[in-house]
N, C-alpha and C. Protein backbone atom coordinates (compact mmCIF):
# COMPACT_ATOMS: atom_id res chain seq x y z
N MET A 1 15.63 18.33 14.81
CA MET A 1 16.49 17.85 13.65
C MET A 1 17.20 18.91 12.95
N PRO A 2 18.57 18.70 12.78
CA PRO A 2 19.13 19.70 12.01
C PRO A 2 18.85 19.73 10.70
N GLU A 3 18.82 20.96 9.96
CA GLU A 3 18.47 21.24 8.56
C GLU A 3 19.35 20.06 7.66
N SER A 4 20.53 20.19 8.01
CA SER A 4 21.50 18.96 7.22
C SER A 4 21.15 17.67 7.25
N ASP A 5 20.24 17.30 8.29
CA ASP A 5 19.68 15.88 8.28
C ASP A 5 18.37 15.59 7.21
N LEU A 6 17.95 16.65 6.90
CA LEU A 6 16.67 16.75 6.03
C LEU A 6 17.11 16.11 4.62
N ILE A 7 16.12 15.34 4.02
CA ILE A 7 16.24 15.18 2.45
C ILE A 7 15.74 16.34 1.72
N LYS A 8 16.28 16.94 1.00
CA LYS A 8 15.60 17.82 0.02
C LYS A 8 14.98 17.18 -1.22
N PRO A 9 13.87 17.79 -1.67
CA PRO A 9 13.31 17.44 -2.62
C PRO A 9 14.14 17.53 -3.96
N ILE A 10 13.82 16.72 -5.09
CA ILE A 10 14.53 16.80 -6.14
C ILE A 10 13.97 17.96 -7.12
N ALA A 11 14.83 18.83 -7.70
CA ALA A 11 14.27 19.94 -8.42
C ALA A 11 13.98 19.57 -9.86
N PRO A 12 13.29 20.09 -10.34
CA PRO A 12 12.83 19.77 -11.81
C PRO A 12 14.14 19.58 -12.76
N GLU A 13 15.00 20.57 -12.81
CA GLU A 13 16.25 20.46 -13.35
C GLU A 13 17.04 19.37 -13.01
N ASP A 14 16.85 18.68 -12.06
CA ASP A 14 17.61 17.40 -11.48
C ASP A 14 17.00 16.22 -11.79
N GLY A 15 15.81 16.33 -12.48
CA GLY A 15 15.06 14.98 -12.87
C GLY A 15 13.91 14.70 -12.17
N HIS A 16 13.43 15.60 -11.48
CA HIS A 16 12.17 15.33 -10.68
C HIS A 16 10.93 15.28 -11.73
N TYR A 17 10.19 14.17 -11.51
CA TYR A 17 9.16 13.74 -12.27
C TYR A 17 7.83 14.42 -11.96
N ALA A 18 7.38 15.20 -12.97
CA ALA A 18 6.25 16.18 -12.69
C ALA A 18 5.00 15.84 -13.62
N GLY A 19 5.06 14.53 -14.13
CA GLY A 19 3.89 13.99 -15.12
C GLY A 19 2.76 13.34 -14.28
N ASN A 20 1.89 12.89 -14.99
CA ASN A 20 0.76 12.26 -14.30
C ASN A 20 1.06 10.69 -13.64
N VAL A 21 0.60 10.31 -12.62
CA VAL A 21 0.95 8.94 -11.99
C VAL A 21 -0.48 8.32 -11.80
N TYR A 22 -0.32 7.20 -12.07
CA TYR A 22 -1.52 6.21 -12.19
C TYR A 22 -1.07 5.01 -11.32
N LEU A 23 -2.13 4.40 -10.65
CA LEU A 23 -1.99 3.08 -9.85
C LEU A 23 -3.10 2.29 -10.32
N LEU A 24 -2.69 1.00 -10.74
CA LEU A 24 -3.68 -0.13 -11.01
C LEU A 24 -3.94 -0.91 -9.73
N THR A 25 -5.35 -1.13 -9.70
CA THR A 25 -5.75 -1.96 -8.83
C THR A 25 -6.63 -2.91 -9.00
N SER A 26 -6.82 -3.95 -8.18
CA SER A 26 -8.16 -5.05 -8.43
C SER A 26 -8.55 -5.42 -7.08
N GLY A 27 -9.52 -6.36 -7.31
CA GLY A 27 -10.08 -7.01 -5.97
C GLY A 27 -9.05 -8.19 -5.62
N LYS A 28 -7.81 -8.11 -6.01
CA LYS A 28 -6.85 -9.08 -5.39
C LYS A 28 -5.68 -8.43 -4.92
N THR A 29 -5.95 -7.07 -4.65
CA THR A 29 -4.98 -6.13 -4.20
C THR A 29 -5.33 -6.06 -2.83
N PHE A 30 -4.44 -6.93 -1.95
CA PHE A 30 -4.55 -7.00 -0.39
C PHE A 30 -3.43 -6.33 0.41
N SER A 31 -3.50 -6.38 1.71
CA SER A 31 -2.50 -6.16 2.71
C SER A 31 -1.67 -4.67 2.36
N ALA A 32 -0.38 -4.77 2.27
CA ALA A 32 0.47 -3.59 2.35
C ALA A 32 0.18 -2.93 0.89
N ALA A 33 -0.28 -3.71 -0.18
CA ALA A 33 -0.61 -3.02 -1.45
C ALA A 33 -1.84 -2.16 -1.26
N ALA A 34 -2.86 -2.80 -0.67
CA ALA A 34 -4.17 -1.97 -0.34
C ALA A 34 -3.81 -0.72 0.59
N SER A 35 -2.99 -0.94 1.59
CA SER A 35 -2.72 0.16 2.32
C SER A 35 -1.86 1.30 1.46
N PHE A 36 -1.12 1.00 0.76
CA PHE A 36 -0.48 1.68 -0.26
C PHE A 36 -1.54 2.37 -1.13
N ALA A 37 -2.39 1.83 -1.63
CA ALA A 37 -3.34 2.34 -2.61
C ALA A 37 -4.48 3.41 -1.84
N TRP A 38 -4.63 3.16 -0.48
CA TRP A 38 -5.39 4.04 0.41
C TRP A 38 -4.62 5.28 0.59
N THR A 39 -3.37 5.26 0.76
CA THR A 39 -2.51 6.31 0.99
C THR A 39 -2.40 7.26 -0.08
N PHE A 40 -2.21 6.61 -1.29
CA PHE A 40 -2.24 7.05 -2.73
C PHE A 40 -3.47 7.95 -2.88
N ALA A 41 -4.54 7.42 -2.52
CA ALA A 41 -5.91 8.15 -2.87
C ALA A 41 -5.85 9.22 -1.83
N GLU A 42 -5.61 9.04 -0.64
CA GLU A 42 -5.77 10.15 0.64
C GLU A 42 -4.84 11.33 0.28
N CYS A 43 -3.74 11.07 -0.37
CA CYS A 43 -2.77 12.13 -0.55
C CYS A 43 -2.95 12.78 -1.99
N ASN A 44 -3.90 12.44 -2.67
CA ASN A 44 -4.28 12.72 -4.06
C ASN A 44 -2.86 12.62 -4.85
N ILE A 45 -2.12 11.35 -4.98
CA ILE A 45 -1.03 11.42 -5.77
C ILE A 45 -1.14 11.45 -7.09
N GLY A 46 -2.40 10.66 -7.44
CA GLY A 46 -2.45 10.47 -8.89
C GLY A 46 -3.95 9.75 -9.03
N THR A 47 -3.94 9.13 -10.34
CA THR A 47 -5.28 8.52 -10.80
C THR A 47 -5.40 6.93 -10.57
N ILE A 48 -6.26 6.71 -9.79
CA ILE A 48 -6.27 5.00 -9.36
C ILE A 48 -7.31 4.42 -10.51
N ILE A 49 -6.92 3.46 -11.14
CA ILE A 49 -7.54 2.54 -12.19
C ILE A 49 -7.72 1.28 -11.79
N GLY A 50 -8.91 0.67 -11.95
CA GLY A 50 -9.24 -0.82 -11.66
C GLY A 50 -10.45 -0.87 -10.95
N GLU A 51 -10.20 -1.76 -9.96
CA GLU A 51 -11.43 -2.18 -9.24
C GLU A 51 -10.85 -1.79 -7.70
N GLU A 52 -12.05 -1.72 -6.68
CA GLU A 52 -11.92 -1.73 -5.25
C GLU A 52 -10.99 -2.66 -4.74
N THR A 53 -10.07 -2.26 -3.82
CA THR A 53 -9.07 -3.40 -3.33
C THR A 53 -9.78 -4.46 -2.50
N GLY A 54 -9.22 -5.56 -2.36
CA GLY A 54 -9.65 -6.45 -1.67
C GLY A 54 -9.40 -6.74 -0.13
N GLY A 55 -10.25 -7.35 0.68
CA GLY A 55 -9.69 -7.45 2.13
C GLY A 55 -10.54 -6.20 2.95
N MET A 56 -10.40 -6.12 4.30
CA MET A 56 -10.88 -5.10 5.00
C MET A 56 -9.82 -3.78 5.04
N SER A 57 -10.66 -2.72 5.44
CA SER A 57 -9.92 -1.46 5.40
C SER A 57 -9.35 -1.35 6.74
N VAL A 58 -8.41 -2.09 7.01
CA VAL A 58 -7.72 -2.12 8.32
C VAL A 58 -6.11 -2.79 8.20
N CYS A 59 -5.33 -2.51 8.95
CA CYS A 59 -4.06 -3.04 9.06
C CYS A 59 -3.57 -3.04 10.47
N TYR A 60 -2.34 -3.69 10.54
CA TYR A 60 -1.94 -4.10 11.88
C TYR A 60 -0.42 -3.70 11.92
N GLY A 61 0.06 -3.21 13.04
CA GLY A 61 1.38 -2.79 13.39
C GLY A 61 1.64 -2.76 14.70
N ASP A 62 3.21 -2.30 15.03
CA ASP A 62 3.70 -2.63 16.23
C ASP A 62 3.62 -3.94 16.79
N LYS A 63 4.68 -4.59 16.92
CA LYS A 63 4.86 -6.18 17.41
C LYS A 63 5.48 -6.28 18.72
N LEU A 64 5.09 -7.30 19.48
CA LEU A 64 5.70 -7.71 20.55
C LEU A 64 6.26 -8.85 20.13
N TRP A 65 7.68 -9.02 20.49
CA TRP A 65 8.54 -10.09 20.20
C TRP A 65 8.57 -11.24 21.12
N TYR A 66 8.34 -12.43 20.93
CA TYR A 66 8.40 -13.51 22.04
C TYR A 66 9.49 -14.65 21.48
N HIS A 67 10.22 -15.17 22.36
CA HIS A 67 10.99 -16.29 22.14
C HIS A 67 10.30 -17.68 22.64
N LEU A 68 10.04 -18.50 21.73
CA LEU A 68 9.53 -19.85 22.11
C LEU A 68 10.52 -20.80 22.61
N PRO A 69 10.59 -21.13 23.91
CA PRO A 69 11.55 -21.85 24.47
C PRO A 69 11.92 -23.19 23.92
N VAL A 70 10.68 -23.90 23.60
CA VAL A 70 10.87 -25.34 23.02
C VAL A 70 11.46 -25.37 21.72
N SER A 71 10.98 -24.65 20.86
CA SER A 71 11.33 -24.46 19.40
C SER A 71 12.51 -23.62 19.16
N ASP A 72 12.76 -22.82 19.91
CA ASP A 72 13.89 -21.86 20.00
C ASP A 72 13.63 -20.83 18.80
N LEU A 73 12.30 -20.70 18.55
CA LEU A 73 12.00 -19.56 17.44
C LEU A 73 11.56 -18.37 17.92
N GLU A 74 11.75 -17.30 17.35
CA GLU A 74 11.32 -16.04 17.47
C GLU A 74 9.89 -15.66 16.79
N CYS A 75 8.80 -15.06 17.53
CA CYS A 75 7.86 -14.68 16.62
C CYS A 75 7.43 -13.37 17.11
N GLY A 76 6.57 -12.42 16.40
CA GLY A 76 5.95 -11.55 16.81
C GLY A 76 4.56 -11.43 16.58
N ILE A 77 3.78 -10.62 17.55
CA ILE A 77 2.27 -10.63 17.65
C ILE A 77 1.99 -9.09 17.41
N SER A 78 1.27 -8.60 16.54
CA SER A 78 0.75 -7.35 16.45
C SER A 78 -0.29 -6.94 17.72
N PHE A 79 -0.01 -5.92 18.18
CA PHE A 79 -1.05 -5.47 19.25
C PHE A 79 -1.60 -4.13 18.76
N LYS A 80 -1.65 -3.58 17.72
CA LYS A 80 -2.23 -2.35 17.19
C LYS A 80 -3.20 -2.57 15.88
N ARG A 81 -4.23 -2.26 15.90
CA ARG A 81 -5.25 -2.14 14.60
C ARG A 81 -5.36 -0.74 14.32
N PHE A 82 -5.02 -0.45 12.96
CA PHE A 82 -5.50 0.82 12.41
C PHE A 82 -6.72 0.65 11.43
N TRP A 83 -7.68 1.48 11.65
CA TRP A 83 -8.52 1.35 10.55
C TRP A 83 -8.31 2.65 9.70
N TYR A 84 -8.76 2.48 8.30
CA TYR A 84 -8.61 3.48 7.31
C TYR A 84 -9.58 4.69 7.54
N LEU A 85 -9.33 5.90 7.22
CA LEU A 85 -10.34 6.92 7.44
C LEU A 85 -11.52 6.71 6.80
N ARG A 86 -11.63 6.05 5.69
CA ARG A 86 -12.92 5.84 4.92
C ARG A 86 -12.80 4.40 4.77
N ALA A 87 -13.96 3.69 4.60
CA ALA A 87 -14.20 2.37 4.59
C ALA A 87 -13.81 1.91 3.40
N CYS A 88 -13.97 2.60 2.07
CA CYS A 88 -13.70 2.23 0.65
C CYS A 88 -12.69 2.86 0.28
N LEU A 89 -12.01 2.32 -0.98
CA LEU A 89 -11.13 3.06 -1.76
C LEU A 89 -12.08 3.61 -2.96
N ILE A 90 -11.97 4.90 -3.19
CA ILE A 90 -12.71 5.55 -4.29
C ILE A 90 -11.69 5.24 -5.52
N ILE A 91 -12.33 4.57 -6.60
CA ILE A 91 -11.49 4.38 -7.88
C ILE A 91 -11.99 5.48 -8.79
N ASN A 92 -10.87 6.08 -9.44
CA ASN A 92 -11.26 7.30 -10.30
C ASN A 92 -11.60 6.81 -11.66
N VAL A 93 -11.08 5.86 -12.30
CA VAL A 93 -11.52 5.03 -13.42
C VAL A 93 -11.83 3.64 -13.27
N THR A 94 -12.87 3.22 -13.32
CA THR A 94 -13.52 1.71 -13.03
C THR A 94 -13.01 0.77 -14.34
N VAL A 95 -12.36 -0.21 -14.13
CA VAL A 95 -12.04 -1.12 -15.15
C VAL A 95 -12.08 -2.47 -14.58
N ARG A 96 -12.78 -3.35 -14.93
CA ARG A 96 -12.92 -4.82 -14.45
C ARG A 96 -11.62 -5.58 -14.78
N ALA A 97 -11.01 -6.20 -13.81
CA ALA A 97 -9.96 -6.93 -14.02
C ALA A 97 -10.31 -8.31 -14.58
N VAL A 98 -9.52 -8.73 -15.65
CA VAL A 98 -9.75 -10.08 -16.31
C VAL A 98 -8.62 -10.99 -15.95
N SER A 99 -8.93 -12.19 -15.68
CA SER A 99 -7.96 -13.11 -15.39
C SER A 99 -7.81 -14.18 -16.36
N ARG A 100 -6.79 -14.21 -17.30
CA ARG A 100 -6.44 -15.24 -18.20
C ARG A 100 -5.42 -16.24 -17.65
N ARG A 101 -5.81 -17.28 -17.14
CA ARG A 101 -4.95 -18.27 -16.65
C ARG A 101 -3.67 -18.39 -17.62
N ALA A 102 -4.00 -18.65 -18.63
CA ALA A 102 -2.69 -18.97 -19.66
C ALA A 102 -1.77 -18.06 -19.52
N ASP A 103 -2.21 -16.95 -19.35
CA ASP A 103 -1.07 -15.75 -19.36
C ASP A 103 -0.19 -15.87 -18.05
N PHE A 104 -0.51 -16.78 -17.31
CA PHE A 104 0.24 -16.84 -15.82
C PHE A 104 1.07 -18.00 -15.74
N ARG A 105 1.19 -18.62 -16.78
CA ARG A 105 1.89 -20.04 -16.63
C ARG A 105 3.44 -19.61 -17.10
N LEU A 106 4.37 -20.55 -16.23
CA LEU A 106 5.76 -20.18 -16.40
C LEU A 106 6.20 -21.19 -17.79
């Protein structure tokens, strides 16, 4: 790949953020958000605050696409399973999530 195709990092004088980064998680953090939290932890991006994420330590990827002739729909079926390196997410600061149903009303 030519160097001109590479994305150069933003320099501090151009607005690169060099402060602390925090990620909030709870037992209701699933799927892609849980995968993001795992990557955040593995790459030591910042501090994780909250609870261990929900669900299993696994994600799926790479799909085979099928055309369903009767319904004329397209569907994808994953054929790869990826397990996280460690079974659980290590929380730096444990804080119990509290659900207040009244706060979620529209």
